[in-house]
């Protein structure tokens, strides 16, 4: 498309689904190096110190949980993961470089939900179905505004919100 010159860089960007800056970069590379300049290049940065099988072993260790690796809590932090790698393989990684490396291998660290050990899911579910609606109806009838964390929300606002960009009663609305 760049060689034919029939389309503008903006039109090429729209068709390919990239930014205009990317097309400009491609054009410069094409002029300077020809088609070879457009070939995929290796990502920047050094080689991984761990082999693919060692990374798989790291992921297995992470799935077992932080307490099995000798930590007091269930939370994995990048510093803890760096410590486990150093203990297991004798390889030092700076903890900040581990985030992208783990993410590239499908690991997404999440904070565990704090749960009481005595928690009975059946009792919690029954309470939410039976008691919570009664409590909220009573508060709403008294004119008490419930905190935002008690309302069911979606990406575009509470479930009660009508479709559209704004709804009456929203704290950010003009009314």
Protein backbone atom coordinates (compact mmCIF):
# COMPACT_ATOMS: atom_id res chain seq x y z
CA UNK A 1 0.00 0.00 0.00
CA UNK A 2 2.85 2.37 0.81
CA UNK A 3 4.69 1.61 -2.43
CA UNK A 4 1.68 2.17 -4.69
CA UNK A 5 1.03 5.62 -3.24
CA UNK A 6 -2.71 5.38 -3.99
CA UNK A 7 -3.73 5.76 -0.34
CA UNK A 8 -2.70 8.38 2.18
CA UNK A 9 -0.91 7.31 5.32
CA UNK A 10 -4.05 8.10 7.34
CA UNK A 11 -6.15 5.84 5.10
CA UNK A 12 -3.60 3.03 5.39
CA UNK A 13 -3.60 3.43 9.18
CA UNK A 14 -7.42 3.16 9.28
CA UNK A 15 -7.46 0.08 7.06
CA UNK A 16 -4.70 -1.73 8.91
CA UNK A 17 -5.90 -0.61 12.36
CA UNK A 18 -2.75 1.14 13.56
CA UNK A 19 -1.75 4.71 14.35
CA UNK A 20 -0.62 7.14 11.66
CA UNK A 21 2.71 7.35 13.46
CA UNK A 22 3.21 3.62 12.88
CA UNK A 23 2.58 4.02 9.15
CA UNK A 24 5.02 6.96 9.03
CA UNK A 25 7.63 4.80 10.77
CA UNK A 26 7.00 1.96 8.30
CA UNK A 27 7.38 4.36 5.37
CA UNK A 28 10.72 5.63 6.68
CA UNK A 29 11.95 2.06 7.23
CA UNK A 30 10.78 1.04 3.75
CA UNK A 31 12.64 3.96 2.13
CA UNK A 32 15.82 3.41 4.15
CA UNK A 33 16.06 -0.40 4.19
CA UNK A 34 13.53 -1.74 1.70
CA UNK A 35 11.29 -4.70 2.55
CA UNK A 36 13.93 -6.13 4.88
CA UNK A 37 13.45 -3.12 7.14
CA UNK A 38 9.81 -4.10 7.68
CA UNK A 39 10.52 -7.62 8.94
CA UNK A 40 9.65 -8.39 12.52
CA UNK A 41 12.51 -7.74 14.90
CA UNK A 42 13.34 -9.32 18.20
CA UNK A 43 11.94 -7.48 21.19
CA UNK A 44 14.42 -5.21 22.94
CA UNK A 45 16.07 -6.33 26.13
CA UNK A 46 18.37 -9.10 27.12
CA UNK A 47 17.78 -12.80 27.02
CA UNK A 48 15.93 -14.40 29.89
CA UNK A 49 18.18 -15.93 32.49
CA UNK A 50 15.74 -18.81 32.93
CA UNK A 51 14.92 -21.43 30.33
CA UNK A 52 11.35 -22.17 29.29
CA UNK A 53 11.23 -25.24 31.52
CA UNK A 54 12.52 -23.21 34.48
CA UNK A 55 9.80 -20.59 33.90
CA UNK A 56 7.23 -23.40 33.91
CA UNK A 57 8.66 -24.55 37.23
CA UNK A 58 8.37 -20.98 38.58
CA UNK A 59 4.71 -20.86 37.53
CA UNK A 60 4.06 -24.20 39.24
CA UNK A 61 5.63 -22.81 42.43
CA UNK A 62 3.43 -19.73 42.20
CA UNK A 63 0.27 -21.80 41.76
CA UNK A 64 1.07 -23.72 44.95
CA UNK A 65 0.78 -20.49 46.90
CA UNK A 66 3.05 -18.19 48.84
CA UNK A 67 2.80 -20.14 52.15
CA UNK A 68 4.20 -23.24 50.45
CA UNK A 69 7.22 -21.13 49.47
CA UNK A 70 7.75 -20.12 53.10
CA UNK A 71 5.85 -16.82 53.27
CA UNK A 72 3.40 -15.97 56.04
CA UNK A 73 0.54 -14.76 53.82
CA UNK A 74 -1.03 -15.90 50.56
CA UNK A 75 -0.09 -12.70 48.70
CA UNK A 76 2.48 -12.95 45.91
CA UNK A 77 4.47 -9.78 45.36
CA UNK A 78 7.12 -9.25 42.71
CA UNK A 79 9.74 -9.04 45.47
CA UNK A 80 8.63 -12.41 46.82
CA UNK A 81 8.69 -13.96 43.36
CA UNK A 82 12.21 -12.60 42.80
CA UNK A 83 13.23 -14.18 46.11
CA UNK A 84 11.77 -17.55 45.11
CA UNK A 85 13.60 -17.45 41.75
CA UNK A 86 16.87 -16.59 43.46
CA UNK A 87 16.43 -19.34 46.07
CA UNK A 88 15.40 -21.97 43.51
CA UNK A 89 17.69 -21.22 40.58
CA UNK A 90 20.35 -18.89 41.98
CA UNK A 91 19.40 -16.26 39.40
CA UNK A 92 18.89 -12.66 40.47
CA UNK A 93 16.04 -10.74 38.82
CA UNK A 94 15.18 -7.19 39.76
CA UNK A 95 11.59 -7.35 40.97
CA UNK A 96 10.44 -4.60 38.59
CA UNK A 97 11.55 -6.60 35.56
CA UNK A 98 9.48 -9.60 36.60
CA UNK A 99 6.05 -8.06 35.94
CA UNK A 100 6.27 -8.07 32.12
CA UNK A 101 8.08 -11.44 32.11
CA UNK A 102 5.35 -13.08 34.20
CA UNK A 103 2.56 -11.39 32.25
CA UNK A 104 4.05 -12.68 28.97
CA UNK A 105 3.79 -16.20 30.41
CA UNK A 106 0.14 -15.82 31.35
CA UNK A 107 0.59 -15.05 35.05
CA UNK A 108 -1.54 -12.22 36.35
CA UNK A 109 -1.03 -11.68 40.06
CA UNK A 110 -4.25 -10.89 41.88
CA UNK A 111 -4.77 -9.87 45.46
CA UNK A 112 -6.60 -12.64 47.27
CA UNK A 113 -10.01 -11.75 48.66
CA UNK A 114 -9.79 -11.62 52.44
CA UNK A 115 -12.23 -14.21 53.75
CA UNK A 116 -12.98 -15.26 57.29
CA UNK A 117 -11.92 -18.85 57.93
CA UNK A 118 -15.27 -19.51 59.59
CA UNK A 119 -17.21 -18.15 56.59
CA UNK A 120 -20.15 -20.30 55.55
CA UNK A 121 -21.05 -19.47 51.94
CA UNK A 122 -24.57 -20.91 52.25
CA UNK A 123 -25.40 -18.66 55.21
CA UNK A 124 -23.93 -15.60 53.45
CA UNK A 125 -25.94 -16.31 50.29
CA UNK A 126 -29.16 -16.84 52.28
CA UNK A 127 -28.60 -13.57 54.16
CA UNK A 128 -28.02 -11.69 50.90
CA UNK A 129 -31.23 -13.08 49.39
CA UNK A 130 -33.48 -12.79 52.44
CA UNK A 131 -32.26 -10.07 54.80
CA UNK A 132 -30.29 -7.60 52.68
CA UNK A 133 -33.20 -6.61 50.36
CA UNK A 134 -35.44 -6.05 53.42
CA UNK A 135 -32.80 -3.86 55.06
CA UNK A 136 -32.16 -1.74 51.96
CA UNK A 137 -35.90 -1.28 51.27
CA UNK A 138 -36.38 -0.04 54.81
CA UNK A 139 -33.53 2.43 54.53
CA UNK A 140 -34.69 3.72 51.15
CA UNK A 141 -38.24 4.13 52.52
CA UNK A 142 -36.79 6.28 55.32
CA UNK A 143 -35.02 8.44 52.72
CA UNK A 144 -31.52 7.28 53.64
CA UNK A 145 -29.11 7.42 50.73
CA UNK A 146 -27.19 4.16 50.57
CA UNK A 147 -23.41 4.23 50.10
CA UNK A 148 -22.19 3.59 46.56
CA UNK A 149 -20.60 0.27 47.47
CA UNK A 150 -24.05 -1.16 48.27
CA UNK A 151 -25.42 -0.56 44.78
CA UNK A 152 -25.06 -2.91 41.89
CA UNK A 153 -23.12 -1.13 39.15
CA UNK A 154 -22.05 -1.74 35.62
CA UNK A 155 -19.43 -0.10 33.50
CA UNK A 156 -21.87 2.65 32.57
CA UNK A 157 -23.57 3.24 35.91
CA UNK A 158 -26.00 1.56 38.28
CA UNK A 159 -28.40 -1.10 37.01
CA UNK A 160 -31.29 1.32 37.62
CA UNK A 161 -29.85 3.92 35.25
CA UNK A 162 -31.73 4.38 31.98
CA UNK A 163 -29.75 4.03 28.77
CA UNK A 164 -28.01 7.15 27.58
CA UNK A 165 -25.01 9.27 28.48
CA UNK A 166 -26.58 10.99 31.53
CA UNK A 167 -29.33 10.22 33.98
CA UNK A 168 -31.12 12.35 36.56
CA UNK A 169 -29.72 12.03 40.04
CA UNK A 170 -26.18 11.27 38.98
CA UNK A 171 -23.74 13.35 41.03
CA UNK A 172 -22.00 14.52 37.84
CA UNK A 173 -25.16 15.49 35.96
CA UNK A 174 -25.92 19.14 35.34
CA UNK A 175 -29.29 19.03 37.11
